[in-house]
């Protein structure tokens, strides 16, 4: 009899030690699958395999779970070094390289692909994270365009072309999310290449 009790204590310690991670993993999947508002805290606890009280021990409210996901599972910076992305004299190829590096549409975490899009309208923390991500993408896109341009480009043109690219990538990512939810095959990379060519052509024309 003493041995089973000791084993039970070891199992409980392991669950307690991993509980926060288990809760976040479970919440991420449930928020992505059915939305924040439709997900009960009890469902998160059940999916995580922990007591409901342990969820509230780590996260006083359900909103604090969402805040933690946004703070901890969204990359703090999308790109640190653009050197490997730039194809000199070829902005379109450079933008495609940037898309591949950002991996916005196929991000391994459903937080970025689903939860951010679904919850941004109603949750300020998510909206701030999405806005922050967009600002970072605008900055890195402008740098990639400037570094890959065959000639000088006016700052206003760089900003406009970067904004067009980022808006297009967000739109494609959102469309891909809907396709994934409906079980429709995702578009090929041709769509990204076409947008990159349009942006590059516009930048060359505007100068």
Protein backbone atom coordinates (compact mmCIF):
# COMPACT_ATOMS: atom_id res chain seq x y z
CA UNK A 1 0.00 0.00 0.00
CA UNK A 2 2.71 2.59 0.72
CA UNK A 3 4.13 2.19 -2.79
CA UNK A 4 0.93 3.15 -4.63
CA UNK A 5 0.59 6.23 -2.42
CA UNK A 6 4.13 7.31 -3.20
CA UNK A 7 3.53 6.74 -6.90
CA UNK A 8 0.37 8.78 -6.65
CA UNK A 9 2.26 11.63 -5.06
CA UNK A 10 4.86 11.48 -7.82
CA UNK A 11 2.18 11.60 -10.49
CA UNK A 12 0.51 14.58 -8.79
CA UNK A 13 3.81 16.43 -8.55
CA UNK A 14 4.42 15.87 -12.23
CA UNK A 15 0.95 17.12 -13.14
CA UNK A 16 1.37 20.15 -10.90
CA UNK A 17 4.77 20.93 -12.38
CA UNK A 18 3.52 20.69 -15.96
CA UNK A 19 0.07 22.11 -15.30
CA UNK A 20 0.62 25.62 -16.62
CA UNK A 21 2.00 24.34 -19.92
CA UNK A 22 -0.76 21.73 -20.19
CA UNK A 23 -3.40 24.40 -19.58
CA UNK A 24 -1.96 26.73 -22.21
CA UNK A 25 -1.70 23.90 -24.75
CA UNK A 26 -5.28 22.86 -24.13
CA UNK A 27 -6.60 26.44 -24.23
CA UNK A 28 -4.75 27.13 -27.47
CA UNK A 29 -6.35 24.16 -29.20
CA UNK A 30 -9.83 24.85 -27.84
CA UNK A 31 -9.76 28.60 -28.56
CA UNK A 32 -8.67 27.83 -32.11
CA UNK A 33 -11.29 25.13 -32.62
CA UNK A 34 -14.36 26.76 -31.10
CA UNK A 35 -13.48 30.32 -30.12
CA UNK A 36 -12.70 31.99 -26.82
CA UNK A 37 -16.25 32.77 -25.76
CA UNK A 38 -17.50 29.27 -26.53
CA UNK A 39 -14.76 27.59 -24.50
CA UNK A 40 -15.56 26.94 -20.85
CA UNK A 41 -12.82 26.89 -18.25
CA UNK A 42 -14.00 23.43 -17.24
CA UNK A 43 -13.37 22.26 -20.82
CA UNK A 44 -9.83 23.60 -20.67
CA UNK A 45 -9.20 21.77 -17.41
CA UNK A 46 -10.61 18.54 -18.82
CA UNK A 47 -8.53 18.80 -21.99
CA UNK A 48 -5.42 19.55 -19.93
CA UNK A 49 -6.13 16.69 -17.54
CA UNK A 50 -5.92 18.90 -14.46
CA UNK A 51 -8.41 19.95 -11.76
CA UNK A 52 -10.39 23.07 -12.55
CA UNK A 53 -9.03 24.72 -9.42
CA UNK A 54 -5.51 24.38 -10.78
CA UNK A 55 -6.51 26.40 -13.83
CA UNK A 56 -7.59 29.27 -11.59
CA UNK A 57 -4.41 28.89 -9.53
CA UNK A 58 -2.32 29.78 -12.58
CA UNK A 59 -4.86 31.97 -14.37
CA UNK A 60 -7.37 33.91 -12.25
CA UNK A 61 -9.61 34.51 -15.27
CA UNK A 62 -10.11 33.00 -18.70
CA UNK A 63 -8.98 36.30 -20.19
CA UNK A 64 -5.63 35.90 -18.43
CA UNK A 65 -5.13 32.60 -20.30
CA UNK A 66 -5.64 34.40 -23.60
CA UNK A 67 -3.28 37.17 -22.52
CA UNK A 68 -0.60 34.61 -21.64
CA UNK A 69 -0.96 32.92 -25.02
CA UNK A 70 -0.54 36.22 -26.82
CA UNK A 71 2.45 37.23 -24.72
CA UNK A 72 4.29 33.91 -24.77
CA UNK A 73 3.49 32.23 -28.06
CA UNK A 74 3.70 35.00 -30.62
CA UNK A 75 7.26 35.52 -31.89
CA UNK A 76 8.59 38.78 -30.37
CA UNK A 77 10.20 39.82 -33.67
CA UNK A 78 9.29 38.34 -37.05
CA UNK A 79 12.77 38.71 -38.61
CA UNK A 80 16.07 39.81 -37.07
CA UNK A 81 18.40 39.56 -40.08
CA UNK A 82 17.20 40.20 -43.64
CA UNK A 83 20.55 39.49 -45.25
CA UNK A 84 19.66 35.97 -46.32
CA UNK A 85 16.28 37.09 -47.70
CA UNK A 86 17.40 39.81 -50.08
CA UNK A 87 17.88 38.91 -53.74
CA UNK A 88 19.73 41.98 -55.08
CA UNK A 89 17.83 43.64 -57.89
CA UNK A 90 14.82 41.33 -57.49
CA UNK A 91 12.24 42.71 -55.03
CA UNK A 92 9.63 40.10 -56.00
CA UNK A 93 11.92 37.18 -55.16
CA UNK A 94 12.94 38.94 -51.95
CA UNK A 95 9.31 39.31 -50.89
CA UNK A 96 8.68 35.62 -51.54
CA UNK A 97 11.73 34.82 -49.41
CA UNK A 98 10.31 37.06 -46.69
CA UNK A 99 6.96 35.27 -46.82
CA UNK A 100 8.71 31.92 -46.46
CA UNK A 101 10.74 33.16 -43.49
CA UNK A 102 7.73 34.67 -41.72
CA UNK A 103 5.66 31.55 -42.38
CA UNK A 104 2.58 33.54 -41.47
CA UNK A 105 0.13 31.27 -43.27
CA UNK A 106 1.57 27.98 -42.05
CA UNK A 107 2.76 28.95 -38.60
CA UNK A 108 3.11 25.91 -36.36
CA UNK A 109 0.98 27.55 -33.69
CA UNK A 110 -2.76 27.90 -34.21
CA UNK A 111 -2.57 31.06 -32.06
CA UNK A 112 -1.18 33.08 -34.94
CA UNK A 113 -3.23 31.39 -37.64
CA UNK A 114 -6.60 31.25 -35.94
CA UNK A 115 -6.97 32.82 -32.51
CA UNK A 116 -5.48 36.20 -33.43
CA UNK A 117 -7.81 36.60 -36.39
CA UNK A 118 -10.87 35.38 -34.54
CA UNK A 119 -10.46 37.30 -31.31
CA UNK A 120 -8.91 40.59 -32.43
CA UNK A 121 -12.25 42.37 -32.74
CA UNK A 122 -13.32 41.73 -29.18
CA UNK A 123 -10.13 41.38 -27.10
CA UNK A 124 -7.78 44.36 -26.69
CA UNK A 125 -4.74 42.20 -25.85
CA UNK A 126 -5.10 40.25 -29.08
CA UNK A 127 -5.73 43.42 -31.06
CA UNK A 128 -2.55 44.99 -29.64
CA UNK A 129 -0.52 41.91 -30.52
CA UNK A 130 -1.92 41.87 -34.04
CA UNK A 131 -1.19 45.58 -34.50
CA UNK A 132 2.33 45.10 -33.13
CA UNK A 133 2.92 42.21 -35.53
CA UNK A 134 1.66 44.32 -38.44
CA UNK A 135 3.96 47.22 -37.52
CA UNK A 136 6.94 44.87 -37.35
CA UNK A 137 6.02 43.34 -40.71
CA UNK A 138 5.73 46.78 -42.28
CA UNK A 139 9.18 47.69 -41.00
CA UNK A 140 10.92 44.51 -42.19
CA UNK A 141 9.10 44.59 -45.56
CA UNK A 142 10.24 48.16 -46.23
CA UNK A 143 13.81 47.17 -45.40
CA UNK A 144 13.66 44.14 -47.72
CA UNK A 145 12.24 46.23 -50.56
CA UNK A 146 14.84 48.94 -50.11
CA UNK A 147 17.73 46.45 -49.97
CA UNK A 148 16.56 44.53 -53.05
CA UNK A 149 15.53 47.46 -55.26
CA UNK A 150 17.69 47.90 -58.37
CA UNK A 151 17.72 51.66 -57.82
CA UNK A 152 16.78 54.37 -55.31
CA UNK A 153 13.19 54.36 -54.06
CA UNK A 154 11.41 57.24 -52.35
CA UNK A 155 10.48 56.64 -48.69
CA UNK A 156 6.78 57.23 -49.44
CA UNK A 157 6.85 54.59 -52.17
CA UNK A 158 8.57 52.11 -49.86
CA UNK A 159 5.92 52.65 -47.18
CA UNK A 160 3.04 52.32 -49.64
CA UNK A 161 4.42 49.14 -51.23
CA UNK A 162 5.21 47.63 -47.83
CA UNK A 163 1.66 48.36 -46.66
CA UNK A 164 0.21 46.76 -49.79
CA UNK A 165 2.31 43.64 -49.28
CA UNK A 166 1.52 43.25 -45.58
CA UNK A 167 -2.22 43.80 -46.17
CA UNK A 168 -2.15 41.17 -48.91
CA UNK A 169 -0.32 38.66 -46.69
CA UNK A 170 -2.80 39.18 -43.87
CA UNK A 171 -5.68 38.73 -46.32
CA UNK A 172 -4.18 35.53 -47.72
CA UNK A 173 -3.52 34.19 -44.22
CA UNK A 174 -7.12 34.91 -43.24
CA UNK A 175 -8.42 33.18 -46.37
CA UNK A 176 -6.18 30.20 -45.70
CA UNK A 177 -7.62 29.98 -42.19
CA UNK A 178 -11.14 29.78 -43.57
CA UNK A 179 -10.07 27.15 -46.09
CA UNK A 180 -8.46 25.10 -43.33
CA UNK A 181 -11.54 25.30 -41.13
CA UNK A 182 -13.73 24.18 -44.05
CA UNK A 183 -11.37 21.39 -45.10
CA UNK A 184 -10.54 23.08 -48.44
CA UNK A 185 -6.98 22.60 -49.78
CA UNK A 186 -4.80 25.65 -49.21
CA UNK A 187 -3.74 27.80 -52.18
CA UNK A 188 -0.33 27.22 -53.74
CA UNK A 189 2.62 29.62 -53.51
CA UNK A 190 1.67 31.08 -56.90
CA UNK A 191 -0.69 33.52 -55.20
CA UNK A 192 2.11 34.94 -53.05
CA UNK A 193 4.43 35.19 -56.07
CA UNK A 194 1.76 37.04 -58.06
CA UNK A 195 1.28 39.59 -55.29
CA UNK A 196 5.05 40.00 -54.93
CA UNK A 197 5.37 40.70 -58.66
CA UNK A 198 2.59 43.28 -58.55
CA UNK A 199 4.19 45.08 -55.58
CA UNK A 200 7.61 45.02 -57.23
CA UNK A 201 6.19 46.38 -60.48
CA UNK A 202 4.35 49.13 -58.63
CA UNK A 203 7.51 50.12 -56.78
CA UNK A 204 9.48 50.29 -60.03
CA UNK A 205 6.80 52.44 -61.66
CA UNK A 206 6.43 54.84 -58.74
CA UNK A 207 10.14 55.03 -58.03
